[in-house]
N, C-alpha and C. Protein backbone atom coordinates (compact mmCIF):
# COMPACT_ATOMS: atom_id res chain seq x y z
N MET A 1 0.86 -1.18 0.00
CA MET A 1 0.00 0.00 0.00
C MET A 1 0.90 1.24 0.00
N ARG A 2 0.61 2.15 -0.86
CA ARG A 2 1.40 3.38 -0.99
C ARG A 2 1.02 4.36 0.12
N CYS A 3 2.04 5.01 0.72
CA CYS A 3 1.84 6.00 1.77
C CYS A 3 1.18 7.24 1.16
N PRO A 4 0.07 7.72 1.76
CA PRO A 4 -0.60 8.90 1.20
C PRO A 4 0.16 10.20 1.47
N TYR A 5 1.14 10.16 2.36
CA TYR A 5 1.90 11.36 2.72
C TYR A 5 3.15 11.55 1.86
N CYS A 6 3.93 10.47 1.68
CA CYS A 6 5.19 10.63 0.96
C CYS A 6 5.26 9.81 -0.33
N GLY A 7 4.26 8.93 -0.56
CA GLY A 7 4.23 8.15 -1.78
C GLY A 7 5.08 6.89 -1.74
N ASN A 8 5.70 6.60 -0.63
CA ASN A 8 6.54 5.41 -0.48
C ASN A 8 5.68 4.14 -0.63
N ASP A 9 6.20 3.17 -1.37
CA ASP A 9 5.49 1.90 -1.56
C ASP A 9 5.72 0.91 -0.43
N ASP A 10 6.65 1.21 0.46
CA ASP A 10 7.01 0.28 1.52
C ASP A 10 6.33 0.68 2.84
N THR A 11 5.10 0.17 3.05
CA THR A 11 4.39 0.41 4.30
C THR A 11 4.11 -0.93 4.95
N ARG A 12 3.85 -0.89 6.24
CA ARG A 12 3.59 -2.15 6.94
C ARG A 12 2.30 -2.05 7.75
N VAL A 13 1.68 -3.19 7.97
CA VAL A 13 0.47 -3.27 8.77
C VAL A 13 0.85 -3.33 10.24
N ILE A 14 0.31 -2.40 11.03
CA ILE A 14 0.58 -2.35 12.47
C ILE A 14 -0.49 -3.11 13.24
N ASP A 15 -1.75 -2.94 12.78
CA ASP A 15 -2.87 -3.55 13.50
C ASP A 15 -4.01 -3.82 12.51
N SER A 16 -4.70 -4.93 12.67
CA SER A 16 -5.88 -5.26 11.85
C SER A 16 -7.03 -5.64 12.75
N ARG A 17 -8.23 -5.14 12.42
CA ARG A 17 -9.43 -5.48 13.18
C ARG A 17 -10.62 -5.61 12.26
N PRO A 18 -11.52 -6.53 12.59
CA PRO A 18 -12.76 -6.59 11.81
C PRO A 18 -13.66 -5.40 12.17
N THR A 19 -14.37 -4.86 11.19
CA THR A 19 -15.34 -3.78 11.43
C THR A 19 -16.61 -4.09 10.67
N GLU A 20 -17.62 -3.25 10.85
CA GLU A 20 -18.90 -3.42 10.17
C GLU A 20 -19.43 -4.84 10.32
N GLU A 21 -19.42 -5.30 11.55
CA GLU A 21 -19.92 -6.64 11.89
C GLU A 21 -19.22 -7.74 11.09
N GLY A 22 -17.91 -7.60 10.92
CA GLY A 22 -17.12 -8.60 10.23
C GLY A 22 -17.17 -8.50 8.72
N GLN A 23 -17.80 -7.46 8.19
CA GLN A 23 -17.92 -7.29 6.74
C GLN A 23 -16.73 -6.57 6.12
N ALA A 24 -15.85 -6.03 6.97
CA ALA A 24 -14.68 -5.30 6.48
C ALA A 24 -13.55 -5.46 7.48
N ILE A 25 -12.34 -5.13 7.05
CA ILE A 25 -11.17 -5.18 7.93
C ILE A 25 -10.54 -3.79 7.93
N ARG A 26 -10.32 -3.28 9.14
CA ARG A 26 -9.66 -1.98 9.31
C ARG A 26 -8.19 -2.27 9.58
N ARG A 27 -7.32 -1.67 8.78
CA ARG A 27 -5.88 -1.87 8.96
C ARG A 27 -5.21 -0.54 9.30
N ARG A 28 -4.45 -0.55 10.37
CA ARG A 28 -3.63 0.60 10.73
C ARG A 28 -2.26 0.33 10.14
N ARG A 29 -1.76 1.26 9.33
CA ARG A 29 -0.50 1.07 8.63
C ARG A 29 0.49 2.15 9.01
N GLY A 30 1.76 1.82 8.86
CA GLY A 30 2.83 2.77 9.12
C GLY A 30 3.79 2.81 7.95
N CYS A 31 4.30 4.01 7.68
CA CYS A 31 5.27 4.18 6.60
C CYS A 31 6.67 4.13 7.19
N ASP A 32 7.51 3.29 6.62
CA ASP A 32 8.88 3.17 7.10
C ASP A 32 9.74 4.38 6.73
N LYS A 33 9.34 5.10 5.70
CA LYS A 33 10.14 6.24 5.24
C LYS A 33 9.84 7.51 6.04
N CYS A 34 8.55 7.93 6.10
CA CYS A 34 8.21 9.19 6.78
C CYS A 34 7.70 9.00 8.20
N GLN A 35 7.51 7.74 8.61
CA GLN A 35 7.08 7.37 9.96
C GLN A 35 5.63 7.77 10.30
N LYS A 36 4.85 8.20 9.30
CA LYS A 36 3.46 8.57 9.56
C LYS A 36 2.59 7.33 9.49
N ARG A 37 1.42 7.43 10.14
CA ARG A 37 0.46 6.32 10.17
C ARG A 37 -0.81 6.71 9.45
N PHE A 38 -1.49 5.72 8.89
CA PHE A 38 -2.76 5.94 8.22
C PHE A 38 -3.60 4.68 8.30
N THR A 39 -4.88 4.81 8.00
CA THR A 39 -5.83 3.71 8.11
C THR A 39 -6.38 3.35 6.74
N THR A 40 -6.49 2.06 6.48
CA THR A 40 -7.12 1.57 5.25
C THR A 40 -8.22 0.59 5.64
N TYR A 41 -9.16 0.39 4.73
CA TYR A 41 -10.24 -0.57 4.93
C TYR A 41 -10.26 -1.55 3.77
N GLU A 42 -10.44 -2.80 4.10
CA GLU A 42 -10.56 -3.84 3.09
C GLU A 42 -11.98 -4.37 3.20
N LYS A 43 -12.69 -4.38 2.06
CA LYS A 43 -14.09 -4.75 2.07
C LYS A 43 -14.41 -5.58 0.84
N LEU A 44 -15.30 -6.52 0.99
CA LEU A 44 -15.75 -7.33 -0.12
C LEU A 44 -16.39 -6.43 -1.17
N GLU A 45 -15.99 -6.60 -2.42
CA GLU A 45 -16.58 -5.82 -3.49
C GLU A 45 -17.94 -6.40 -3.82
N GLU A 46 -18.95 -5.56 -3.72
CA GLU A 46 -20.31 -6.03 -3.95
C GLU A 46 -20.80 -5.56 -5.31
N ASN A 47 -21.89 -6.15 -5.72
CA ASN A 47 -22.50 -5.72 -6.98
C ASN A 47 -22.94 -4.27 -6.88
N ILE A 48 -22.84 -3.57 -7.97
CA ILE A 48 -23.27 -2.18 -7.99
C ILE A 48 -24.79 -2.15 -8.04
N ILE A 49 -25.37 -1.43 -7.11
CA ILE A 49 -26.81 -1.24 -7.08
C ILE A 49 -27.10 0.13 -7.69
N MET A 50 -28.01 0.17 -8.62
CA MET A 50 -28.41 1.43 -9.24
C MET A 50 -29.66 1.95 -8.55
N VAL A 51 -29.65 3.24 -8.25
CA VAL A 51 -30.80 3.90 -7.62
C VAL A 51 -31.59 4.60 -8.72
N VAL A 52 -32.88 4.29 -8.79
CA VAL A 52 -33.76 4.92 -9.77
C VAL A 52 -34.40 6.13 -9.08
N LYS A 53 -34.05 7.31 -9.57
CA LYS A 53 -34.52 8.56 -8.97
C LYS A 53 -35.97 8.84 -9.39
N LYS A 54 -36.57 9.86 -8.79
CA LYS A 54 -37.97 10.21 -9.09
C LYS A 54 -38.16 10.57 -10.56
N ASP A 55 -37.14 11.18 -11.17
CA ASP A 55 -37.24 11.57 -12.58
C ASP A 55 -36.85 10.43 -13.53
N LYS A 56 -36.71 9.22 -12.98
CA LYS A 56 -36.36 7.99 -13.71
C LYS A 56 -34.89 7.93 -14.15
N SER A 57 -34.08 8.91 -13.76
CA SER A 57 -32.64 8.81 -14.02
C SER A 57 -32.06 7.80 -13.05
N ARG A 58 -30.87 7.33 -13.35
CA ARG A 58 -30.24 6.31 -12.52
C ARG A 58 -28.84 6.75 -12.12
N GLU A 59 -28.47 6.39 -10.89
CA GLU A 59 -27.09 6.62 -10.43
C GLU A 59 -26.72 5.49 -9.48
N ALA A 60 -25.43 5.24 -9.35
CA ALA A 60 -24.95 4.18 -8.47
C ALA A 60 -25.25 4.54 -7.02
N PHE A 61 -25.62 3.52 -6.23
CA PHE A 61 -25.86 3.72 -4.81
C PHE A 61 -24.58 4.24 -4.17
N ASP A 62 -24.68 5.30 -3.40
CA ASP A 62 -23.53 5.93 -2.76
C ASP A 62 -23.81 6.04 -1.26
N ARG A 63 -23.17 5.16 -0.50
CA ARG A 63 -23.42 5.14 0.95
C ARG A 63 -23.01 6.46 1.60
N ASN A 64 -21.96 7.12 1.09
CA ASN A 64 -21.53 8.39 1.67
C ASN A 64 -22.58 9.48 1.47
N LYS A 65 -23.24 9.47 0.34
CA LYS A 65 -24.30 10.44 0.08
C LYS A 65 -25.45 10.22 1.07
N LEU A 66 -25.76 8.96 1.32
CA LEU A 66 -26.82 8.63 2.27
C LEU A 66 -26.42 9.03 3.69
N ILE A 67 -25.19 8.73 4.07
CA ILE A 67 -24.70 9.10 5.41
C ILE A 67 -24.76 10.61 5.58
N ASN A 68 -24.30 11.37 4.58
CA ASN A 68 -24.30 12.83 4.69
C ASN A 68 -25.70 13.39 4.83
N GLY A 69 -26.65 12.85 4.09
CA GLY A 69 -28.04 13.30 4.19
C GLY A 69 -28.62 13.04 5.56
N ILE A 70 -28.33 11.87 6.10
CA ILE A 70 -28.84 11.52 7.44
C ILE A 70 -28.15 12.37 8.50
N LEU A 71 -26.84 12.58 8.36
CA LEU A 71 -26.11 13.41 9.33
C LEU A 71 -26.66 14.83 9.38
N LYS A 72 -27.06 15.37 8.24
CA LYS A 72 -27.66 16.72 8.22
C LYS A 72 -28.93 16.76 9.03
N SER A 73 -29.75 15.72 8.92
CA SER A 73 -31.00 15.70 9.67
C SER A 73 -30.76 15.46 11.17
N CYS A 74 -29.59 14.93 11.51
CA CYS A 74 -29.26 14.62 12.91
C CYS A 74 -28.40 15.71 13.57
N GLU A 75 -28.16 16.80 12.84
CA GLU A 75 -27.31 17.87 13.39
C GLU A 75 -27.87 18.38 14.71
N LYS A 76 -26.97 18.52 15.69
CA LYS A 76 -27.31 19.03 17.02
C LYS A 76 -28.34 18.16 17.74
N ARG A 77 -28.34 16.88 17.40
CA ARG A 77 -29.21 15.91 18.05
C ARG A 77 -28.34 14.86 18.73
N PRO A 78 -28.87 14.16 19.72
CA PRO A 78 -28.07 13.15 20.43
C PRO A 78 -27.94 11.84 19.66
N VAL A 79 -27.51 11.94 18.41
CA VAL A 79 -27.34 10.76 17.55
C VAL A 79 -25.87 10.70 17.16
N SER A 80 -25.22 9.59 17.47
CA SER A 80 -23.80 9.46 17.19
C SER A 80 -23.57 9.09 15.72
N VAL A 81 -22.36 9.36 15.26
CA VAL A 81 -21.97 8.97 13.90
C VAL A 81 -22.06 7.45 13.77
N ALA A 82 -21.71 6.73 14.84
CA ALA A 82 -21.79 5.27 14.82
C ALA A 82 -23.24 4.81 14.61
N ASP A 83 -24.20 5.51 15.23
CA ASP A 83 -25.61 5.17 15.03
C ASP A 83 -26.00 5.34 13.56
N VAL A 84 -25.55 6.44 12.96
CA VAL A 84 -25.87 6.71 11.56
C VAL A 84 -25.21 5.66 10.66
N GLU A 85 -23.95 5.33 10.94
CA GLU A 85 -23.25 4.33 10.12
C GLU A 85 -23.93 2.97 10.24
N ASN A 86 -24.38 2.60 11.44
CA ASN A 86 -25.09 1.34 11.62
C ASN A 86 -26.42 1.35 10.87
N LEU A 87 -27.12 2.49 10.89
CA LEU A 87 -28.38 2.63 10.17
C LEU A 87 -28.15 2.40 8.67
N VAL A 88 -27.12 3.05 8.13
CA VAL A 88 -26.82 2.91 6.70
C VAL A 88 -26.36 1.49 6.38
N LEU A 89 -25.57 0.89 7.26
CA LEU A 89 -25.13 -0.49 7.05
C LEU A 89 -26.32 -1.44 6.98
N ASP A 90 -27.30 -1.24 7.88
CA ASP A 90 -28.50 -2.08 7.86
C ASP A 90 -29.30 -1.89 6.57
N ILE A 91 -29.40 -0.64 6.12
CA ILE A 91 -30.13 -0.36 4.88
C ILE A 91 -29.41 -1.00 3.70
N GLU A 92 -28.08 -0.88 3.68
CA GLU A 92 -27.30 -1.51 2.61
C GLU A 92 -27.53 -3.02 2.58
N LYS A 93 -27.54 -3.65 3.76
CA LYS A 93 -27.77 -5.09 3.83
C LYS A 93 -29.15 -5.45 3.29
N GLN A 94 -30.15 -4.66 3.69
CA GLN A 94 -31.51 -4.91 3.21
C GLN A 94 -31.57 -4.82 1.69
N ILE A 95 -30.94 -3.80 1.13
CA ILE A 95 -30.95 -3.62 -0.32
C ILE A 95 -30.23 -4.77 -1.00
N ASN A 96 -29.06 -5.15 -0.49
CA ASN A 96 -28.30 -6.25 -1.09
C ASN A 96 -29.03 -7.58 -0.97
N ASN A 97 -29.78 -7.77 0.11
CA ASN A 97 -30.51 -9.02 0.30
C ASN A 97 -31.68 -9.19 -0.67
N THR A 98 -32.12 -8.10 -1.29
CA THR A 98 -33.21 -8.21 -2.26
C THR A 98 -32.71 -8.83 -3.56
N MET A 99 -31.39 -8.80 -3.79
CA MET A 99 -30.76 -9.34 -4.98
C MET A 99 -31.20 -8.60 -6.25
N GLU A 100 -31.77 -7.42 -6.09
CA GLU A 100 -32.17 -6.61 -7.24
C GLU A 100 -31.00 -5.74 -7.67
N LYS A 101 -30.91 -5.46 -8.95
CA LYS A 101 -29.84 -4.60 -9.49
C LYS A 101 -30.21 -3.13 -9.38
N GLU A 102 -31.53 -2.85 -9.30
CA GLU A 102 -32.01 -1.47 -9.19
C GLU A 102 -33.00 -1.35 -8.04
N VAL A 103 -32.97 -0.20 -7.39
CA VAL A 103 -33.91 0.07 -6.30
C VAL A 103 -34.38 1.52 -6.43
N ASP A 104 -35.66 1.75 -6.20
CA ASP A 104 -36.21 3.10 -6.27
C ASP A 104 -35.71 3.94 -5.09
N SER A 105 -35.45 5.20 -5.36
CA SER A 105 -35.01 6.11 -4.30
C SER A 105 -36.10 6.23 -3.23
N THR A 106 -37.36 6.07 -3.63
CA THR A 106 -38.45 6.15 -2.65
C THR A 106 -38.38 5.02 -1.63
N VAL A 107 -37.93 3.85 -2.07
CA VAL A 107 -37.78 2.71 -1.16
C VAL A 107 -36.68 3.01 -0.14
N ILE A 108 -35.56 3.54 -0.62
CA ILE A 108 -34.45 3.88 0.28
C ILE A 108 -34.89 4.97 1.25
N GLY A 109 -35.56 5.99 0.73
CA GLY A 109 -36.03 7.08 1.59
C GLY A 109 -36.96 6.58 2.68
N GLN A 110 -37.85 5.66 2.33
CA GLN A 110 -38.78 5.11 3.33
C GLN A 110 -38.04 4.28 4.37
N MET A 111 -37.02 3.52 3.94
CA MET A 111 -36.21 2.75 4.89
C MET A 111 -35.54 3.69 5.89
N VAL A 112 -34.98 4.79 5.39
CA VAL A 112 -34.31 5.76 6.26
C VAL A 112 -35.31 6.35 7.24
N MET A 113 -36.47 6.75 6.74
CA MET A 113 -37.46 7.37 7.62
C MET A 113 -37.95 6.39 8.69
N ASP A 114 -38.17 5.14 8.32
CA ASP A 114 -38.59 4.14 9.30
C ASP A 114 -37.57 4.00 10.42
N ARG A 115 -36.29 3.96 10.04
CA ARG A 115 -35.23 3.81 11.04
C ARG A 115 -35.03 5.08 11.86
N LEU A 116 -35.11 6.25 11.22
CA LEU A 116 -34.94 7.51 11.94
C LEU A 116 -36.07 7.74 12.94
N LYS A 117 -37.25 7.29 12.60
CA LYS A 117 -38.39 7.46 13.51
C LYS A 117 -38.10 6.77 14.84
N GLU A 118 -37.43 5.62 14.78
CA GLU A 118 -37.06 4.88 15.99
C GLU A 118 -35.87 5.53 16.71
N LEU A 119 -34.96 6.10 15.93
CA LEU A 119 -33.71 6.63 16.47
C LEU A 119 -33.89 8.01 17.09
N ASP A 120 -34.52 8.93 16.36
CA ASP A 120 -34.68 10.30 16.85
C ASP A 120 -35.81 10.96 16.06
N GLU A 121 -36.88 11.32 16.75
CA GLU A 121 -38.06 11.85 16.07
C GLU A 121 -37.81 13.20 15.40
N VAL A 122 -36.99 14.05 15.99
CA VAL A 122 -36.69 15.35 15.39
C VAL A 122 -35.92 15.15 14.08
N ALA A 123 -34.93 14.25 14.11
CA ALA A 123 -34.17 13.94 12.90
C ALA A 123 -35.10 13.35 11.84
N TYR A 124 -36.05 12.56 12.27
CA TYR A 124 -37.03 11.97 11.35
C TYR A 124 -37.82 13.07 10.63
N VAL A 125 -38.35 14.04 11.40
CA VAL A 125 -39.15 15.12 10.80
C VAL A 125 -38.28 15.96 9.87
N ARG A 126 -37.04 16.22 10.26
CA ARG A 126 -36.13 16.99 9.40
C ARG A 126 -35.90 16.25 8.07
N PHE A 127 -35.60 14.96 8.17
CA PHE A 127 -35.36 14.17 6.96
C PHE A 127 -36.61 14.13 6.09
N ALA A 128 -37.75 13.89 6.73
CA ALA A 128 -39.02 13.80 6.00
C ALA A 128 -39.35 15.11 5.30
N SER A 129 -39.01 16.23 5.93
CA SER A 129 -39.33 17.53 5.32
C SER A 129 -38.59 17.74 4.01
N VAL A 130 -37.37 17.25 3.93
CA VAL A 130 -36.60 17.37 2.69
C VAL A 130 -37.03 16.27 1.72
N TYR A 131 -37.13 15.06 2.22
CA TYR A 131 -37.45 13.91 1.37
C TYR A 131 -38.83 14.05 0.72
N ARG A 132 -39.80 14.45 1.52
CA ARG A 132 -41.17 14.59 1.00
C ARG A 132 -41.46 15.99 0.46
N GLN A 133 -40.48 16.85 0.51
CA GLN A 133 -40.56 18.21 -0.01
C GLN A 133 -41.76 18.96 0.56
N PHE A 134 -41.76 19.10 1.91
CA PHE A 134 -42.83 19.85 2.56
C PHE A 134 -42.89 21.26 1.98
N LYS A 135 -44.09 21.72 1.65
CA LYS A 135 -44.27 23.03 1.02
C LYS A 135 -44.59 24.13 2.02
N ASP A 136 -45.23 23.76 3.15
CA ASP A 136 -45.63 24.79 4.10
C ASP A 136 -45.68 24.21 5.52
N VAL A 137 -46.00 25.08 6.47
CA VAL A 137 -46.02 24.69 7.88
C VAL A 137 -47.10 23.65 8.15
N SER A 138 -48.22 23.73 7.46
CA SER A 138 -49.31 22.78 7.71
C SER A 138 -48.87 21.34 7.42
N THR A 139 -47.98 21.16 6.45
CA THR A 139 -47.47 19.83 6.15
C THR A 139 -46.62 19.32 7.31
N PHE A 140 -45.81 20.22 7.90
CA PHE A 140 -45.03 19.86 9.09
C PHE A 140 -45.96 19.44 10.21
N ILE A 141 -46.99 20.23 10.44
CA ILE A 141 -47.92 19.96 11.54
C ILE A 141 -48.60 18.61 11.35
N LYS A 142 -49.02 18.31 10.11
CA LYS A 142 -49.66 17.01 9.84
C LYS A 142 -48.71 15.86 10.14
N GLU A 143 -47.45 16.02 9.73
CA GLU A 143 -46.47 14.96 9.97
C GLU A 143 -46.23 14.76 11.46
N ILE A 144 -46.14 15.84 12.20
CA ILE A 144 -45.94 15.75 13.66
C ILE A 144 -47.16 15.14 14.32
N GLU A 145 -48.37 15.52 13.86
CA GLU A 145 -49.59 14.91 14.40
C GLU A 145 -49.61 13.41 14.13
N ASN A 146 -49.18 13.00 12.93
CA ASN A 146 -49.11 11.56 12.62
C ASN A 146 -48.12 10.87 13.55
N LEU A 147 -47.01 11.53 13.80
CA LEU A 147 -45.98 10.97 14.67
C LEU A 147 -46.51 10.84 16.10
N MET A 148 -47.22 11.85 16.57
CA MET A 148 -47.77 11.83 17.93
C MET A 148 -48.89 10.79 18.05
N GLY A 149 -49.67 10.63 16.99
CA GLY A 149 -50.75 9.65 16.99
C GLY A 149 -50.26 8.23 16.97
N ALA A 150 -49.06 8.02 16.46
CA ALA A 150 -48.49 6.67 16.37
C ALA A 150 -48.00 6.18 17.72
N LYS A 151 -47.89 7.07 18.68
CA LYS A 151 -47.38 6.66 20.01
C LYS A 151 -48.44 6.06 20.88
């Protein structure tokens, strides 16, 4: 593995650990030339899942895009990054278990909302407001009333 700091090809593994419930390996590496350390991840290459957007365009599933969207809805909330990563990991597993090559963005959005509702209700309403494109305050109020009625 090439050192990202000095470009040296001679690096060594200092520590290896399983992550993502054994689905990946985290390796801590050290460069013999510049003495800096860095982390790499080794993960099974999975089939590319295409997301079918509302306008029928398609793009490859991007877990980082999903994580960033969820993190925005969880800003200033008591939700850890680990919670968000676990949520996305579970959604990824669900999608991969369907064995489908394409999945509608609405299906992914609903999966996120279902999980966020359990994790943090404020983050759920924030995500829903963007995902469902709330137009006015009355739409927010209806969603909150639905949330309160479900309890």
